N, C-alpha and C. Protein backbone atom coordinates (compact mmCIF):
# COMPACT_ATOMS: atom_id res chain seq x y z
N MET A 1 -63.65 -32.82 -40.30
CA MET A 1 -63.16 -32.29 -39.05
C MET A 1 -63.75 -33.09 -37.89
N THR A 2 -62.93 -33.27 -36.87
CA THR A 2 -63.41 -33.97 -35.68
C THR A 2 -63.79 -32.95 -34.61
N PRO A 3 -64.81 -33.23 -33.85
CA PRO A 3 -65.18 -32.31 -32.79
C PRO A 3 -64.09 -32.23 -31.73
N GLU A 4 -64.04 -31.12 -31.03
CA GLU A 4 -63.00 -30.92 -30.02
C GLU A 4 -63.13 -31.90 -28.87
N GLU A 5 -64.33 -32.36 -28.57
CA GLU A 5 -64.50 -33.27 -27.44
C GLU A 5 -63.91 -34.64 -27.73
N ASN A 6 -63.72 -35.02 -28.99
CA ASN A 6 -63.11 -36.30 -29.33
C ASN A 6 -61.59 -36.22 -29.36
N SER A 7 -61.04 -35.02 -29.46
CA SER A 7 -59.59 -34.89 -29.50
C SER A 7 -59.03 -35.07 -28.09
N PRO A 8 -57.89 -35.77 -27.99
CA PRO A 8 -57.32 -36.00 -26.66
C PRO A 8 -56.83 -34.71 -26.04
N LYS A 9 -57.16 -34.52 -24.78
CA LYS A 9 -56.74 -33.32 -24.05
C LYS A 9 -55.37 -33.58 -23.45
N ARG A 10 -54.47 -32.66 -23.65
CA ARG A 10 -53.14 -32.81 -23.08
C ARG A 10 -53.20 -32.49 -21.60
N ARG A 11 -52.60 -33.37 -20.81
CA ARG A 11 -52.59 -33.19 -19.37
C ARG A 11 -51.40 -32.32 -18.97
N THR A 12 -51.59 -31.54 -17.95
CA THR A 12 -50.53 -30.67 -17.46
C THR A 12 -49.57 -31.48 -16.58
N PHE A 13 -48.43 -30.87 -16.30
CA PHE A 13 -47.45 -31.54 -15.45
C PHE A 13 -48.01 -31.76 -14.05
N THR A 14 -48.82 -30.83 -13.58
CA THR A 14 -49.44 -30.97 -12.26
C THR A 14 -50.36 -32.18 -12.22
N GLU A 15 -51.19 -32.36 -13.26
CA GLU A 15 -52.08 -33.52 -13.32
C GLU A 15 -51.29 -34.82 -13.37
N LEU A 16 -50.23 -34.82 -14.19
CA LEU A 16 -49.39 -36.03 -14.29
C LEU A 16 -48.75 -36.37 -12.96
N SER A 17 -48.23 -35.35 -12.27
CA SER A 17 -47.58 -35.62 -10.99
C SER A 17 -48.59 -36.06 -9.94
N GLN A 18 -49.79 -35.48 -9.94
CA GLN A 18 -50.82 -35.92 -8.99
C GLN A 18 -51.23 -37.36 -9.26
N GLN A 19 -51.39 -37.72 -10.52
CA GLN A 19 -51.77 -39.09 -10.86
C GLN A 19 -50.64 -40.06 -10.52
N PHE A 20 -49.39 -39.64 -10.72
CA PHE A 20 -48.25 -40.49 -10.35
C PHE A 20 -48.25 -40.72 -8.84
N LEU A 21 -48.44 -39.66 -8.08
CA LEU A 21 -48.45 -39.81 -6.62
C LEU A 21 -49.64 -40.65 -6.13
N LEU A 22 -50.79 -40.49 -6.78
CA LEU A 22 -51.94 -41.36 -6.44
C LEU A 22 -51.62 -42.82 -6.73
N GLY A 23 -50.95 -43.07 -7.85
CA GLY A 23 -50.54 -44.43 -8.18
C GLY A 23 -49.55 -44.98 -7.15
N ILE A 24 -48.64 -44.13 -6.68
CA ILE A 24 -47.69 -44.54 -5.64
C ILE A 24 -48.44 -44.90 -4.36
N VAL A 25 -49.40 -44.07 -3.98
CA VAL A 25 -50.17 -44.33 -2.77
C VAL A 25 -50.95 -45.64 -2.89
N PHE A 26 -51.60 -45.86 -4.03
CA PHE A 26 -52.32 -47.11 -4.24
C PHE A 26 -51.37 -48.29 -4.24
N GLY A 27 -50.20 -48.11 -4.83
CA GLY A 27 -49.21 -49.19 -4.82
C GLY A 27 -48.76 -49.54 -3.42
N VAL A 28 -48.56 -48.53 -2.58
CA VAL A 28 -48.17 -48.77 -1.19
C VAL A 28 -49.29 -49.50 -0.45
N LEU A 29 -50.53 -49.06 -0.67
CA LEU A 29 -51.66 -49.73 -0.02
C LEU A 29 -51.77 -51.19 -0.46
N LEU A 30 -51.59 -51.43 -1.75
CA LEU A 30 -51.65 -52.80 -2.25
C LEU A 30 -50.51 -53.65 -1.71
N ALA A 31 -49.34 -53.03 -1.53
CA ALA A 31 -48.20 -53.77 -1.00
C ALA A 31 -48.37 -54.08 0.48
N LEU A 32 -49.14 -53.25 1.19
CA LEU A 32 -49.32 -53.46 2.62
C LEU A 32 -50.50 -54.36 2.96
N ILE A 33 -51.33 -54.70 1.99
CA ILE A 33 -52.49 -55.57 2.25
C ILE A 33 -52.06 -56.90 2.87
N PRO A 34 -51.03 -57.58 2.38
CA PRO A 34 -50.65 -58.85 3.03
C PRO A 34 -50.24 -58.66 4.49
N LEU A 35 -49.68 -57.51 4.83
CA LEU A 35 -49.27 -57.28 6.21
C LEU A 35 -50.47 -57.16 7.14
N ALA A 36 -51.62 -56.77 6.62
CA ALA A 36 -52.81 -56.65 7.45
C ALA A 36 -53.35 -58.02 7.85
N TYR A 37 -53.08 -59.02 7.06
CA TYR A 37 -53.60 -60.36 7.33
C TYR A 37 -52.57 -61.29 7.96
N LEU A 38 -51.31 -60.86 7.98
CA LEU A 38 -50.26 -61.67 8.56
C LEU A 38 -49.66 -60.94 9.76
N SER A 39 -49.16 -61.69 10.68
CA SER A 39 -48.45 -61.09 11.80
C SER A 39 -47.08 -60.65 11.30
N ILE A 40 -46.65 -59.49 11.72
CA ILE A 40 -45.35 -58.97 11.26
C ILE A 40 -44.23 -59.88 11.73
N SER A 41 -44.40 -60.53 12.88
CA SER A 41 -43.34 -61.41 13.39
C SER A 41 -43.18 -62.65 12.52
N THR A 42 -44.24 -63.08 11.83
CA THR A 42 -44.13 -64.27 10.99
C THR A 42 -43.59 -63.94 9.60
N LEU A 43 -43.56 -62.68 9.26
CA LEU A 43 -43.13 -62.27 7.92
C LEU A 43 -41.67 -61.83 7.97
N GLU A 44 -40.84 -62.51 7.25
CA GLU A 44 -39.45 -62.12 7.18
C GLU A 44 -39.29 -61.09 6.07
N MET A 45 -38.72 -59.97 6.39
CA MET A 45 -38.52 -58.92 5.40
C MET A 45 -37.17 -59.15 4.70
N ASN A 46 -37.16 -60.03 3.74
CA ASN A 46 -35.94 -60.25 3.00
C ASN A 46 -35.86 -59.27 1.83
N LEU A 47 -34.72 -59.21 1.22
CA LEU A 47 -34.46 -58.23 0.16
C LEU A 47 -35.38 -58.43 -1.04
N LEU A 48 -35.68 -59.65 -1.38
CA LEU A 48 -36.54 -59.91 -2.53
C LEU A 48 -37.94 -59.35 -2.31
N TYR A 49 -38.48 -59.52 -1.11
CA TYR A 49 -39.82 -58.99 -0.81
C TYR A 49 -39.83 -57.46 -0.90
N VAL A 50 -38.80 -56.83 -0.38
CA VAL A 50 -38.72 -55.37 -0.44
C VAL A 50 -38.59 -54.90 -1.88
N GLU A 51 -37.80 -55.59 -2.68
CA GLU A 51 -37.64 -55.23 -4.09
C GLU A 51 -38.95 -55.41 -4.86
N LEU A 52 -39.68 -56.49 -4.58
CA LEU A 52 -40.96 -56.70 -5.25
C LEU A 52 -41.98 -55.63 -4.86
N MET A 53 -42.01 -55.27 -3.59
CA MET A 53 -42.92 -54.21 -3.15
C MET A 53 -42.57 -52.89 -3.83
N ALA A 54 -41.29 -52.56 -3.88
CA ALA A 54 -40.86 -51.30 -4.51
C ALA A 54 -41.19 -51.30 -6.00
N ALA A 55 -40.99 -52.43 -6.67
CA ALA A 55 -41.31 -52.52 -8.09
C ALA A 55 -42.80 -52.36 -8.33
N MET A 56 -43.62 -52.96 -7.45
CA MET A 56 -45.07 -52.84 -7.61
C MET A 56 -45.51 -51.40 -7.38
N VAL A 57 -44.94 -50.74 -6.39
CA VAL A 57 -45.30 -49.36 -6.08
C VAL A 57 -44.93 -48.45 -7.25
N LEU A 58 -43.72 -48.60 -7.77
CA LEU A 58 -43.30 -47.77 -8.91
C LEU A 58 -44.09 -48.08 -10.17
N THR A 59 -44.42 -49.34 -10.38
CA THR A 59 -45.22 -49.70 -11.55
C THR A 59 -46.60 -49.06 -11.47
N CYS A 60 -47.20 -49.08 -10.29
CA CYS A 60 -48.51 -48.44 -10.12
C CYS A 60 -48.41 -46.93 -10.39
N GLY A 61 -47.36 -46.31 -9.92
CA GLY A 61 -47.18 -44.88 -10.16
C GLY A 61 -46.99 -44.56 -11.63
N ILE A 62 -46.18 -45.33 -12.31
CA ILE A 62 -45.92 -45.09 -13.73
C ILE A 62 -47.17 -45.35 -14.56
N LEU A 63 -47.88 -46.44 -14.27
CA LEU A 63 -49.10 -46.73 -15.01
C LEU A 63 -50.16 -45.67 -14.77
N ALA A 64 -50.25 -45.17 -13.54
CA ALA A 64 -51.22 -44.12 -13.24
C ALA A 64 -50.88 -42.85 -14.00
N ALA A 65 -49.59 -42.53 -14.13
CA ALA A 65 -49.19 -41.34 -14.87
C ALA A 65 -49.44 -41.51 -16.36
N LEU A 66 -49.19 -42.70 -16.88
CA LEU A 66 -49.37 -42.94 -18.31
C LEU A 66 -50.83 -43.06 -18.71
N LEU A 67 -51.59 -43.83 -17.95
CA LEU A 67 -52.97 -44.13 -18.34
C LEU A 67 -54.00 -43.21 -17.68
N GLY A 68 -53.63 -42.53 -16.63
CA GLY A 68 -54.53 -41.58 -15.98
C GLY A 68 -55.71 -42.26 -15.33
N LYS A 69 -56.89 -41.71 -15.57
CA LYS A 69 -58.11 -42.20 -14.91
C LYS A 69 -58.49 -43.61 -15.34
N LYS A 70 -58.04 -44.04 -16.51
CA LYS A 70 -58.33 -45.41 -16.95
C LYS A 70 -57.69 -46.42 -16.00
N PHE A 71 -56.56 -46.06 -15.40
CA PHE A 71 -55.87 -46.95 -14.47
C PHE A 71 -56.36 -46.73 -13.04
N LEU A 72 -56.62 -45.50 -12.67
CA LEU A 72 -56.99 -45.19 -11.30
C LEU A 72 -58.41 -45.62 -10.94
N ARG A 73 -59.33 -45.56 -11.89
CA ARG A 73 -60.72 -45.91 -11.62
C ARG A 73 -60.88 -47.36 -11.13
N PRO A 74 -60.27 -48.36 -11.80
CA PRO A 74 -60.39 -49.73 -11.28
C PRO A 74 -59.70 -49.92 -9.93
N LEU A 75 -58.60 -49.21 -9.69
CA LEU A 75 -57.94 -49.32 -8.39
C LEU A 75 -58.81 -48.78 -7.27
N ILE A 76 -59.48 -47.68 -7.53
CA ILE A 76 -60.38 -47.11 -6.53
C ILE A 76 -61.52 -48.08 -6.26
N ALA A 77 -62.07 -48.67 -7.31
CA ALA A 77 -63.15 -49.64 -7.12
C ALA A 77 -62.67 -50.86 -6.34
N PHE A 78 -61.45 -51.31 -6.60
CA PHE A 78 -60.89 -52.45 -5.87
C PHE A 78 -60.72 -52.11 -4.39
N LEU A 79 -60.18 -50.96 -4.09
CA LEU A 79 -59.96 -50.58 -2.70
C LEU A 79 -61.28 -50.35 -1.96
N GLU A 80 -62.28 -49.89 -2.66
CA GLU A 80 -63.58 -49.73 -2.02
C GLU A 80 -64.24 -51.08 -1.72
N SER A 81 -63.87 -52.12 -2.46
CA SER A 81 -64.48 -53.43 -2.24
C SER A 81 -63.86 -54.18 -1.06
N ILE A 82 -62.72 -53.73 -0.56
CA ILE A 82 -62.05 -54.40 0.55
C ILE A 82 -62.77 -54.01 1.84
N PRO A 83 -63.17 -54.99 2.65
CA PRO A 83 -63.84 -54.66 3.90
C PRO A 83 -62.87 -54.00 4.87
N PRO A 84 -63.37 -53.13 5.73
CA PRO A 84 -62.49 -52.47 6.71
C PRO A 84 -61.94 -53.49 7.71
N ILE A 85 -60.74 -53.24 8.14
CA ILE A 85 -60.07 -54.11 9.09
C ILE A 85 -60.28 -53.53 10.49
N GLY A 86 -60.67 -54.35 11.39
CA GLY A 86 -60.78 -53.82 12.74
C GLY A 86 -61.83 -54.38 13.50
């Protein structure tokens, strides 16, 4: 018999949706990082750039929902390592 602490705990729908939304938020922040270092007037918002940003945001959300804290922990560490802008 395996101990209960080694058995995987099933996550609730609320936890999954919260992790998905956290992944979406992190994806949006990661997509906006280049805008913080570039002038908006020099950046052309073409369709490909918008599609890539949307794909990255959705990918972060899906990975956060699937992997949970294993995916969110490195993202939090990455965002904490970025110096504040201002």
